[in-house]
């Protein structure tokens, strides 16, 4: 299975949050799965941290990426073009990039945000 983690799912995995669902933990721990994180999430988390809205160890998170085989996906031109065509069920620009990235790459999303389902994506709910 191929999954892109949204920003909140990535944080929850990084801190081993007690709210992680059994499905999310199983998907994360299954070595046969390919896990991805959009560079948009790294951008979003860094921005929130710099604004004082998030106390999160970015260096440790980047280490987690490399240690656990999570691949960073760039924001490509096809993704940007699709973001502009997506219906506005979701207004968050970072999440819209994740949605478009999932659609372009034909991968599922690990998220707790139920709005993602309106885009016809395969979802693994990350929070109880």
N, C-alpha and C. Protein backbone atom coordinates (compact mmCIF):
# COMPACT_ATOMS: atom_id res chain seq x y z
N UNK A 1 0.84 -1.17 0.00
CA UNK A 1 0.00 0.00 0.00
C UNK A 1 0.89 1.24 0.00
N UNK A 2 0.45 2.25 -0.72
CA UNK A 2 1.15 3.53 -0.75
C UNK A 2 0.27 4.57 -0.06
N UNK A 3 0.87 5.29 0.88
CA UNK A 3 0.14 6.28 1.67
C UNK A 3 0.94 7.55 1.83
N UNK A 4 0.26 8.68 1.68
CA UNK A 4 0.86 9.96 2.04
C UNK A 4 0.26 10.37 3.38
N UNK A 5 1.11 10.78 4.29
CA UNK A 5 0.67 11.22 5.61
C UNK A 5 0.34 12.70 5.55
N UNK A 6 -0.80 13.09 6.11
CA UNK A 6 -1.01 14.53 6.22
C UNK A 6 -0.17 15.02 7.40
N UNK A 7 -0.11 16.32 7.57
CA UNK A 7 0.78 16.90 8.58
C UNK A 7 0.46 16.41 9.99
N UNK A 8 -0.83 16.35 10.33
CA UNK A 8 -1.22 15.91 11.68
C UNK A 8 -0.88 14.44 11.90
N UNK A 9 -1.11 13.60 10.89
CA UNK A 9 -0.78 12.17 11.02
C UNK A 9 0.72 12.01 11.21
N UNK A 10 1.52 12.80 10.50
CA UNK A 10 2.96 12.71 10.66
C UNK A 10 3.39 13.08 12.08
N UNK A 11 2.82 14.17 12.62
CA UNK A 11 3.15 14.57 13.99
C UNK A 11 2.74 13.46 14.96
N UNK A 12 1.53 12.92 14.78
CA UNK A 12 1.06 11.87 15.68
C UNK A 12 1.99 10.66 15.66
N UNK A 13 2.47 10.30 14.49
CA UNK A 13 3.42 9.19 14.39
C UNK A 13 4.76 9.56 15.03
N UNK A 14 5.21 10.78 14.77
CA UNK A 14 6.51 11.21 15.30
C UNK A 14 6.53 11.21 16.82
N UNK A 15 5.40 11.56 17.45
CA UNK A 15 5.36 11.62 18.92
C UNK A 15 4.71 10.38 19.53
N UNK A 16 4.35 9.41 18.67
CA UNK A 16 3.67 8.20 19.11
C UNK A 16 2.44 8.54 19.95
N UNK A 17 1.59 9.37 19.36
CA UNK A 17 0.39 9.87 20.06
C UNK A 17 -0.54 8.73 20.46
N UNK A 18 -1.10 8.81 21.65
CA UNK A 18 -2.02 7.77 22.10
C UNK A 18 -3.34 7.75 21.31
N UNK A 19 -3.58 8.79 20.53
CA UNK A 19 -4.81 8.88 19.74
C UNK A 19 -4.70 8.18 18.38
N UNK A 20 -3.51 7.64 18.05
CA UNK A 20 -3.37 6.93 16.78
C UNK A 20 -4.28 5.72 16.73
N UNK A 21 -4.96 5.54 15.61
CA UNK A 21 -5.83 4.37 15.46
C UNK A 21 -4.99 3.13 15.23
N UNK A 22 -5.62 1.99 15.47
CA UNK A 22 -4.95 0.71 15.24
C UNK A 22 -4.58 0.58 13.76
N UNK A 23 -5.48 1.04 12.86
CA UNK A 23 -5.20 0.98 11.42
C UNK A 23 -3.98 1.83 11.04
N UNK A 24 -3.87 2.99 11.66
CA UNK A 24 -2.73 3.88 11.37
C UNK A 24 -1.42 3.25 11.84
N UNK A 25 -1.43 2.69 13.03
CA UNK A 25 -0.23 2.06 13.57
C UNK A 25 0.17 0.87 12.70
N UNK A 26 -0.80 0.06 12.32
CA UNK A 26 -0.52 -1.11 11.47
C UNK A 26 0.06 -0.67 10.13
N UNK A 27 -0.55 0.34 9.52
CA UNK A 27 -0.07 0.83 8.21
C UNK A 27 1.34 1.38 8.32
N UNK A 28 1.61 2.10 9.41
CA UNK A 28 2.93 2.69 9.61
C UNK A 28 3.99 1.61 9.84
N UNK A 29 3.64 0.59 10.59
CA UNK A 29 4.62 -0.43 10.95
C UNK A 29 4.80 -1.50 9.87
N UNK A 30 3.90 -1.58 8.91
CA UNK A 30 3.99 -2.59 7.86
C UNK A 30 5.09 -2.21 6.88
N UNK A 31 6.17 -2.96 6.88
CA UNK A 31 7.33 -2.65 6.04
C UNK A 31 7.05 -2.80 4.55
N UNK A 32 5.93 -3.44 4.21
CA UNK A 32 5.56 -3.56 2.79
C UNK A 32 4.89 -2.30 2.26
N UNK A 33 4.50 -1.39 3.15
CA UNK A 33 3.86 -0.15 2.73
C UNK A 33 4.91 0.89 2.37
N UNK A 34 4.59 1.71 1.39
CA UNK A 34 5.42 2.86 1.03
C UNK A 34 4.75 4.10 1.60
N UNK A 35 5.47 4.79 2.48
CA UNK A 35 4.93 5.98 3.13
C UNK A 35 5.60 7.23 2.61
N UNK A 36 4.79 8.28 2.45
CA UNK A 36 5.27 9.52 1.87
C UNK A 36 4.81 10.70 2.72
N UNK A 37 5.54 11.79 2.59
CA UNK A 37 5.18 13.06 3.20
C UNK A 37 5.43 14.13 2.16
N UNK A 38 4.46 14.99 1.96
CA UNK A 38 4.64 16.08 1.00
C UNK A 38 5.58 17.12 1.59
N UNK A 39 6.39 17.69 0.73
CA UNK A 39 7.23 18.80 1.17
C UNK A 39 6.34 19.94 1.67
N UNK A 40 5.08 19.97 1.24
CA UNK A 40 4.13 20.97 1.74
C UNK A 40 3.91 20.81 3.25
N UNK A 41 3.93 19.57 3.74
CA UNK A 41 3.77 19.34 5.18
C UNK A 41 4.97 19.85 5.95
N UNK A 42 6.16 19.63 5.41
CA UNK A 42 7.37 20.14 6.05
C UNK A 42 7.31 21.66 6.11
N UNK A 43 6.87 22.27 5.01
CA UNK A 43 6.70 23.72 4.92
C UNK A 43 5.68 24.19 5.96
N UNK A 44 4.52 23.53 6.01
CA UNK A 44 3.46 23.91 6.94
C UNK A 44 3.92 23.80 8.39
N UNK A 45 4.55 22.70 8.74
CA UNK A 45 5.00 22.50 10.12
C UNK A 45 6.08 23.52 10.50
N UNK A 46 6.98 23.79 9.58
CA UNK A 46 8.01 24.80 9.83
C UNK A 46 7.42 26.19 10.02
N UNK A 47 6.43 26.51 9.21
CA UNK A 47 5.76 27.80 9.32
C UNK A 47 5.04 27.93 10.66
N UNK A 48 4.30 26.90 11.05
CA UNK A 48 3.59 26.93 12.33
C UNK A 48 4.56 27.02 13.50
N UNK A 49 5.67 26.33 13.38
CA UNK A 49 6.68 26.38 14.44
C UNK A 49 7.28 27.78 14.55
N UNK A 50 7.59 28.39 13.42
CA UNK A 50 8.19 29.73 13.44
C UNK A 50 7.23 30.80 13.96
N UNK A 51 5.93 30.54 13.84
CA UNK A 51 4.92 31.47 14.34
C UNK A 51 4.58 31.21 15.81
N UNK A 52 5.20 30.18 16.41
CA UNK A 52 4.94 29.85 17.79
C UNK A 52 3.65 29.07 18.01
N UNK A 53 3.07 28.54 16.93
CA UNK A 53 1.83 27.78 17.03
C UNK A 53 2.05 26.29 17.22
N UNK A 54 3.31 25.87 17.15
CA UNK A 54 3.62 24.45 17.23
C UNK A 54 4.98 24.28 17.89
N UNK A 55 5.01 23.47 18.92
CA UNK A 55 6.27 23.13 19.58
C UNK A 55 6.62 21.71 19.12
N UNK A 56 7.46 21.64 18.11
CA UNK A 56 7.73 20.36 17.44
C UNK A 56 9.18 20.35 17.00
N UNK A 57 9.86 19.27 17.27
CA UNK A 57 11.27 19.12 16.93
C UNK A 57 11.41 18.75 15.44
N UNK A 58 11.60 19.75 14.60
CA UNK A 58 11.70 19.50 13.16
C UNK A 58 12.92 18.65 12.82
N UNK A 59 14.04 18.88 13.48
CA UNK A 59 15.24 18.08 13.20
C UNK A 59 14.99 16.62 13.55
N UNK A 60 14.34 16.40 14.68
CA UNK A 60 14.00 15.03 15.06
C UNK A 60 13.01 14.40 14.10
N UNK A 61 12.10 15.21 13.61
CA UNK A 61 11.11 14.71 12.65
C UNK A 61 11.78 14.31 11.34
N UNK A 62 12.73 15.10 10.90
CA UNK A 62 13.46 14.78 9.67
C UNK A 62 14.26 13.49 9.87
N UNK A 63 14.85 13.32 11.05
CA UNK A 63 15.54 12.06 11.37
C UNK A 63 14.58 10.88 11.31
N UNK A 64 13.36 11.09 11.83
CA UNK A 64 12.34 10.04 11.80
C UNK A 64 12.05 9.63 10.36
N UNK A 65 11.99 10.62 9.48
CA UNK A 65 11.76 10.33 8.06
C UNK A 65 12.81 9.38 7.53
N UNK A 66 14.06 9.74 7.72
CA UNK A 66 15.13 8.94 7.14
C UNK A 66 15.24 7.57 7.80
N UNK A 67 15.01 7.49 9.10
CA UNK A 67 15.11 6.22 9.81
C UNK A 67 14.01 5.24 9.44
N UNK A 68 12.86 5.76 9.05
CA UNK A 68 11.71 4.90 8.82
C UNK A 68 11.27 4.84 7.36
N UNK A 69 12.11 5.29 6.47
CA UNK A 69 11.84 5.12 5.05
C UNK A 69 10.68 5.92 4.52
N UNK A 70 10.33 7.02 5.17
CA UNK A 70 9.27 7.89 4.67
C UNK A 70 9.90 8.81 3.62
N UNK A 71 9.34 8.78 2.43
CA UNK A 71 9.88 9.54 1.30
C UNK A 71 9.19 10.89 1.18
N UNK A 72 9.98 11.93 0.98
CA UNK A 72 9.43 13.27 0.75
C UNK A 72 9.04 13.38 -0.73
N UNK A 73 7.81 13.84 -0.96
CA UNK A 73 7.34 14.08 -2.32
C UNK A 73 7.36 15.58 -2.59
N UNK A 74 7.96 15.96 -3.70
CA UNK A 74 8.01 17.37 -4.09
C UNK A 74 6.65 17.83 -4.58
N UNK A 75 6.47 19.14 -4.60
CA UNK A 75 5.29 19.74 -5.20
C UNK A 75 5.63 19.95 -6.68
N UNK A 76 4.98 19.18 -7.53
CA UNK A 76 5.27 19.24 -8.97
C UNK A 76 4.24 20.10 -9.70
N UNK A 77 4.56 20.44 -10.92
CA UNK A 77 3.64 21.24 -11.73
C UNK A 77 2.29 20.54 -11.90
N UNK A 78 2.23 19.23 -12.21
CA UNK A 78 0.91 18.59 -12.30
C UNK A 78 0.11 18.69 -11.00
N UNK A 79 0.79 18.64 -9.85
CA UNK A 79 0.09 18.79 -8.57
C UNK A 79 -0.50 20.20 -8.46
N UNK A 80 0.29 21.20 -8.78
CA UNK A 80 -0.19 22.59 -8.69
C UNK A 80 -1.37 22.81 -9.64
N UNK A 81 -1.27 22.27 -10.84
CA UNK A 81 -2.38 22.43 -11.79
C UNK A 81 -3.64 21.75 -11.28
N UNK A 82 -3.51 20.58 -10.66
CA UNK A 82 -4.68 19.89 -10.13
C UNK A 82 -5.26 20.63 -8.93
N UNK A 83 -4.41 21.19 -8.08
CA UNK A 83 -4.90 21.97 -6.94
C UNK A 83 -5.86 23.05 -7.42
N UNK A 84 -5.53 23.67 -8.54
CA UNK A 84 -6.36 24.74 -9.08
C UNK A 84 -7.70 24.23 -9.63
N UNK A 85 -7.80 22.93 -9.90
CA UNK A 85 -9.02 22.35 -10.47
C UNK A 85 -9.89 21.65 -9.43
N UNK A 86 -9.33 21.38 -8.25
CA UNK A 86 -10.10 20.66 -7.22
C UNK A 86 -11.29 21.49 -6.75
N UNK A 87 -12.42 20.82 -6.50
CA UNK A 87 -13.52 21.56 -5.88
C UNK A 87 -13.11 22.04 -4.50
N UNK A 88 -13.74 23.10 -4.03
CA UNK A 88 -13.34 23.71 -2.76
C UNK A 88 -14.08 23.11 -1.57
N UNK A 89 -14.05 21.76 -1.47
CA UNK A 89 -14.55 21.12 -0.25
C UNK A 89 -13.61 21.47 0.90
N UNK A 90 -12.34 21.57 0.58
CA UNK A 90 -11.31 21.86 1.58
C UNK A 90 -10.60 23.14 1.16
N UNK A 91 -10.48 24.06 2.11
CA UNK A 91 -9.91 25.36 1.78
C UNK A 91 -8.43 25.50 2.19
N UNK A 92 -7.94 24.60 3.05
CA UNK A 92 -6.56 24.69 3.52
C UNK A 92 -5.61 24.41 2.36
N UNK A 93 -4.74 25.37 2.01
CA UNK A 93 -3.87 25.18 0.84
C UNK A 93 -2.89 24.02 0.98
N UNK A 94 -2.40 23.77 2.19
CA UNK A 94 -1.47 22.66 2.39
C UNK A 94 -2.19 21.32 2.20
N UNK A 95 -3.39 21.21 2.73
CA UNK A 95 -4.15 19.98 2.56
C UNK A 95 -4.55 19.78 1.10
N UNK A 96 -4.84 20.85 0.41
CA UNK A 96 -5.19 20.75 -1.02
C UNK A 96 -3.99 20.21 -1.82
N UNK A 97 -2.78 20.62 -1.43
CA UNK A 97 -1.57 20.09 -2.09
C UNK A 97 -1.45 18.59 -1.80
N UNK A 98 -1.70 18.19 -0.55
CA UNK A 98 -1.63 16.77 -0.20
C UNK A 98 -2.67 15.98 -0.99
N UNK A 99 -3.88 16.50 -1.10
CA UNK A 99 -4.94 15.84 -1.86
C UNK A 99 -4.54 15.68 -3.31
N UNK A 100 -4.06 16.74 -3.92
CA UNK A 100 -3.64 16.69 -5.33
C UNK A 100 -2.47 15.74 -5.51
N UNK A 101 -1.54 15.74 -4.58
CA UNK A 101 -0.39 14.83 -4.65
C UNK A 101 -0.85 13.38 -4.60
N UNK A 102 -1.80 13.09 -3.71
CA UNK A 102 -2.34 11.73 -3.61
C UNK A 102 -3.03 11.32 -4.91
N UNK A 103 -3.79 12.22 -5.48
CA UNK A 103 -4.51 11.90 -6.72
C UNK A 103 -3.54 11.70 -7.89
N UNK A 104 -2.57 12.57 -8.02
CA UNK A 104 -1.59 12.49 -9.12
C UNK A 104 -0.79 11.19 -9.02
N UNK A 105 -0.43 10.80 -7.80
CA UNK A 105 0.42 9.62 -7.59
C UNK A 105 -0.38 8.36 -7.30
N UNK A 106 -1.70 8.46 -7.32
CA UNK A 106 -2.60 7.33 -7.08
C UNK A 106 -2.25 6.60 -5.78
N UNK A 107 -2.23 7.38 -4.69
CA UNK A 107 -1.92 6.82 -3.38
C UNK A 107 -2.99 7.24 -2.38
N UNK A 108 -3.11 6.47 -1.30
CA UNK A 108 -4.05 6.79 -0.25
C UNK A 108 -3.48 7.85 0.68
N UNK A 109 -4.33 8.27 1.63
CA UNK A 109 -3.93 9.30 2.59
C UNK A 109 -4.22 8.82 4.00
N UNK A 110 -3.25 9.05 4.90
CA UNK A 110 -3.48 8.84 6.31
C UNK A 110 -3.78 10.21 6.91
N UNK A 111 -5.00 10.35 7.43
CA UNK A 111 -5.47 11.62 7.95
C UNK A 111 -6.60 11.40 8.92
N UNK A 112 -6.88 12.38 9.75
CA UNK A 112 -8.07 12.35 10.59
C UNK A 112 -9.12 13.32 10.05
N UNK A 113 -8.80 13.97 8.96
CA UNK A 113 -9.67 14.98 8.35
C UNK A 113 -10.66 14.31 7.39
N UNK A 114 -11.92 14.24 7.78
CA UNK A 114 -12.92 13.53 6.98
C UNK A 114 -13.23 14.21 5.65
N UNK A 115 -12.87 15.46 5.50
CA UNK A 115 -13.12 16.17 4.24
C UNK A 115 -12.33 15.54 3.09
N UNK A 116 -11.20 14.91 3.39
CA UNK A 116 -10.40 14.26 2.36
C UNK A 116 -11.21 13.22 1.59
N UNK A 117 -12.16 12.57 2.28
CA UNK A 117 -12.97 11.54 1.64
C UNK A 117 -13.81 12.08 0.49
N UNK A 118 -14.16 13.36 0.53
CA UNK A 118 -15.00 13.94 -0.53
C UNK A 118 -14.27 14.03 -1.87
N UNK A 119 -12.98 13.78 -1.85
CA UNK A 119 -12.18 13.82 -3.08
C UNK A 119 -11.97 12.43 -3.68
N UNK A 120 -12.65 11.42 -3.13
CA UNK A 120 -12.57 10.08 -3.69
C UNK A 120 -11.26 9.37 -3.43
N UNK A 121 -10.61 9.72 -2.33
CA UNK A 121 -9.32 9.11 -1.98
C UNK A 121 -9.52 7.94 -1.03
N UNK A 122 -8.61 6.98 -1.09
CA UNK A 122 -8.57 5.92 -0.09
C UNK A 122 -7.96 6.52 1.17
N UNK A 123 -8.66 6.36 2.29
CA UNK A 123 -8.26 7.01 3.54
C UNK A 123 -8.02 5.96 4.62
N UNK A 124 -6.96 6.19 5.39
CA UNK A 124 -6.77 5.49 6.66
C UNK A 124 -6.89 6.55 7.73
N UNK A 125 -7.89 6.41 8.60
CA UNK A 125 -8.10 7.37 9.65
C UNK A 125 -6.97 7.26 10.67
N UNK A 126 -6.37 8.39 11.00
CA UNK A 126 -5.20 8.35 11.88
C UNK A 126 -5.51 8.58 13.35
N UNK A 127 -6.70 9.08 13.67
CA UNK A 127 -7.00 9.40 15.08
C UNK A 127 -8.31 8.76 15.54
N UNK A 128 -8.29 8.36 16.80
CA UNK A 128 -9.50 7.79 17.40
C UNK A 128 -10.46 8.89 17.79
